[in-house]
Amino acid sequence: MIYFALKNRRLIRKLARALRLMAPRDGVIFLGHFVEEATFFELARQHGISVAEVEAALRRGLEIVADVLEPDPPRWWRFWRR
C-alpha cells in the first residue's frame, strides 16, 4: 500500500513538472481536455483559437509529458516521435 502511494506521488510530481514546462496556454488547454474533459470545440471557443490550434497545443503538451515520464525512450520510439 505504501509503495503504491509513493509511486502515485512521484507520478503527480512528474506531471506537475511537465505542466510547468508547457507554455501557459498549452497547459490550460491540456488540463481543460484531460481533467475537465472539455471537447476540442469547447476549448477552441473558450480560447478564441481554431480546433487545429487546440490539437497542436495538446500534441505539444503530450510530447512534454512523454519526455518527463520517460526521458530516454526505447530506440524504436525515436523514429515515431520525429
C-alpha atoms as a PDB file:
ATOM      1  CA  MET A   1       0.000   0.000   0.000  1.00  0.00           C
ATOM      2  CA  ILE A   2       2.791   2.438   0.896  1.00  0.00           C
ATOM      3  CA  TYR A   3       4.649   1.638  -2.329  1.00  0.00           C
ATOM      4  CA  PHE A   4       1.519   2.447  -4.332  1.00  0.00           C
ATOM      5  CA  ALA A   5       1.131   5.797  -2.541  1.00  0.00           C
ATOM      6  CA  LEU A   6       4.791   6.698  -3.145  1.00  0.00           C
ATOM      7  CA  LYS A   7       4.530   5.741  -6.798  1.00  0.00           C
ATOM      8  CA  ASN A   8       1.458   7.962  -7.194  1.00  0.00           C
ATOM      9  CA  ARG A   9       3.213  10.893  -5.516  1.00  0.00           C
ATOM     10  CA  ARG A  10       6.160  10.539  -7.887  1.00  0.00           C
ATOM     11  CA  LEU A  11       3.808  10.449 -10.868  1.00  0.00           C
ATOM     12  CA  ILE A  12       1.946  13.546  -9.646  1.00  0.00           C
ATOM     13  CA  ARG A  13       5.255  15.377  -9.158  1.00  0.00           C
ATOM     14  CA  LYS A  14       6.355  14.449 -12.676  1.00  0.00           C
ATOM     15  CA  LEU A  15       3.049  15.595 -14.168  1.00  0.00           C
ATOM     16  CA  ALA A  16       3.280  18.891 -12.253  1.00  0.00           C
ATOM     17  CA  ARG A  17       6.792  19.356 -13.634  1.00  0.00           C
ATOM     18  CA  ALA A  18       5.518  18.690 -17.158  1.00  0.00           C
ATOM     19  CA  LEU A  19       2.783  21.318 -16.697  1.00  0.00           C
ATOM     20  CA  ARG A  20       5.380  23.862 -15.547  1.00  0.00           C
ATOM     21  CA  LEU A  21       7.409  23.185 -18.701  1.00  0.00           C
ATOM     22  CA  MET A  22       4.436  23.807 -21.001  1.00  0.00           C
ATOM     23  CA  ALA A  23       3.569  27.183 -22.419  1.00  0.00           C
ATOM     24  CA  PRO A  24       0.825  28.765 -20.268  1.00  0.00           C
ATOM     25  CA  ARG A  25      -1.945  28.401 -22.846  1.00  0.00           C
ATOM     26  CA  ASP A  26      -0.862  24.850 -23.725  1.00  0.00           C
ATOM     27  CA  GLY A  27      -1.045  23.904 -20.053  1.00  0.00           C
ATOM     28  CA  VAL A  28      -4.526  25.347 -19.657  1.00  0.00           C
ATOM     29  CA  ILE A  29      -5.716  23.551 -22.788  1.00  0.00           C
ATOM     30  CA  PHE A  30      -4.081  20.309 -21.641  1.00  0.00           C
ATOM     31  CA  LEU A  31      -5.801  20.484 -18.251  1.00  0.00           C
ATOM     32  CA  GLY A  32      -9.073  21.532 -19.839  1.00  0.00           C
ATOM     33  CA  HIS A  33      -9.111  18.480 -22.069  1.00  0.00           C
ATOM     34  CA  PHE A  34      -7.723  15.790 -19.757  1.00  0.00           C
ATOM     35  CA  VAL A  35      -9.008  16.958 -16.358  1.00  0.00           C
ATOM     36  CA  GLU A  36     -12.177  18.912 -17.132  1.00  0.00           C
ATOM     37  CA  GLU A  37     -12.934  16.689 -20.155  1.00  0.00           C
ATOM     38  CA  ALA A  38     -13.734  19.629 -22.433  1.00  0.00           C
ATOM     39  CA  THR A  39     -14.038  18.894 -26.140  1.00  0.00           C
ATOM     40  CA  PHE A  40     -11.745  20.390 -28.739  1.00  0.00           C
ATOM     41  CA  PHE A  41     -14.571  22.626 -29.931  1.00  0.00           C
ATOM     42  CA  GLU A  42     -15.260  23.937 -26.413  1.00  0.00           C
ATOM     43  CA  LEU A  43     -11.571  24.662 -25.843  1.00  0.00           C
ATOM     44  CA  ALA A  44     -11.274  26.406 -29.213  1.00  0.00           C
ATOM     45  CA  ARG A  45     -14.265  28.606 -28.418  1.00  0.00           C
ATOM     46  CA  GLN A  46     -13.016  29.400 -24.879  1.00  0.00           C
ATOM     47  CA  HIS A  47      -9.573  30.462 -26.082  1.00  0.00           C
ATOM     48  CA  GLY A  48     -10.606  32.075 -29.343  1.00  0.00           C
ATOM     49  CA  ILE A  49      -8.492  29.747 -31.480  1.00  0.00           C
ATOM     50  CA  SER A  50      -9.158  27.089 -34.110  1.00  0.00           C
ATOM     51  CA  VAL A  51      -9.600  23.399 -33.435  1.00  0.00           C
ATOM     52  CA  ALA A  52      -6.316  22.757 -35.258  1.00  0.00           C
ATOM     53  CA  GLU A  53      -4.525  25.047 -32.794  1.00  0.00           C
ATOM     54  CA  VAL A  54      -6.107  23.129 -29.886  1.00  0.00           C
ATOM     55  CA  GLU A  55      -4.864  19.873 -31.417  1.00  0.00           C
ATOM     56  CA  ALA A  56      -1.376  21.349 -31.803  1.00  0.00           C
ATOM     57  CA  ALA A  57      -1.366  22.546 -28.176  1.00  0.00           C
ATOM     58  CA  LEU A  58      -2.379  19.083 -26.966  1.00  0.00           C
ATOM     59  CA  ARG A  59       0.302  17.469 -29.116  1.00  0.00           C
ATOM     60  CA  ARG A  60       2.962  19.765 -27.655  1.00  0.00           C
ATOM     61  CA  GLY A  61       1.685  19.026 -24.161  1.00  0.00           C
ATOM     62  CA  LEU A  62       1.713  15.280 -24.716  1.00  0.00           C
ATOM     63  CA  GLU A  63       5.262  15.455 -26.060  1.00  0.00           C
ATOM     64  CA  ILE A  64       6.393  17.245 -22.897  1.00  0.00           C
ATOM     65  CA  VAL A  65       4.597  14.727 -20.676  1.00  0.00           C
ATOM     66  CA  ALA A  66       6.206  11.859 -22.616  1.00  0.00           C
ATOM     67  CA  ASP A  67       9.660  13.436 -22.218  1.00  0.00           C
ATOM     68  CA  VAL A  68       9.185  13.947 -18.481  1.00  0.00           C
ATOM     69  CA  LEU A  69       7.755  10.483 -17.794  1.00  0.00           C
ATOM     70  CA  GLU A  70      10.295   8.646 -19.927  1.00  0.00           C
ATOM     71  CA  PRO A  71      13.296  10.877 -20.675  1.00  0.00           C
ATOM     72  CA  ASP A  72      15.189   8.143 -22.560  1.00  0.00           C
ATOM     73  CA  PRO A  73      12.676   6.362 -24.823  1.00  0.00           C
ATOM     74  CA  PRO A  74      13.435   2.968 -26.390  1.00  0.00           C
ATOM     75  CA  ARG A  75      15.325   3.096 -29.684  1.00  0.00           C
ATOM     76  CA  TRP A  76      12.326   2.138 -31.841  1.00  0.00           C
ATOM     77  CA  TRP A  77      10.263   5.021 -30.427  1.00  0.00           C
ATOM     78  CA  ARG A  78      12.733   7.668 -31.679  1.00  0.00           C
ATOM     79  CA  PHE A  79      11.662   7.028 -35.262  1.00  0.00           C
ATOM     80  CA  TRP A  80       7.985   7.750 -34.488  1.00  0.00           C
ATOM     81  CA  ARG A  81       8.483  10.911 -32.433  1.00  0.00           C
ATOM     82  CA  ARG A  82      10.021  12.968 -35.210  1.00  0.00           C
END
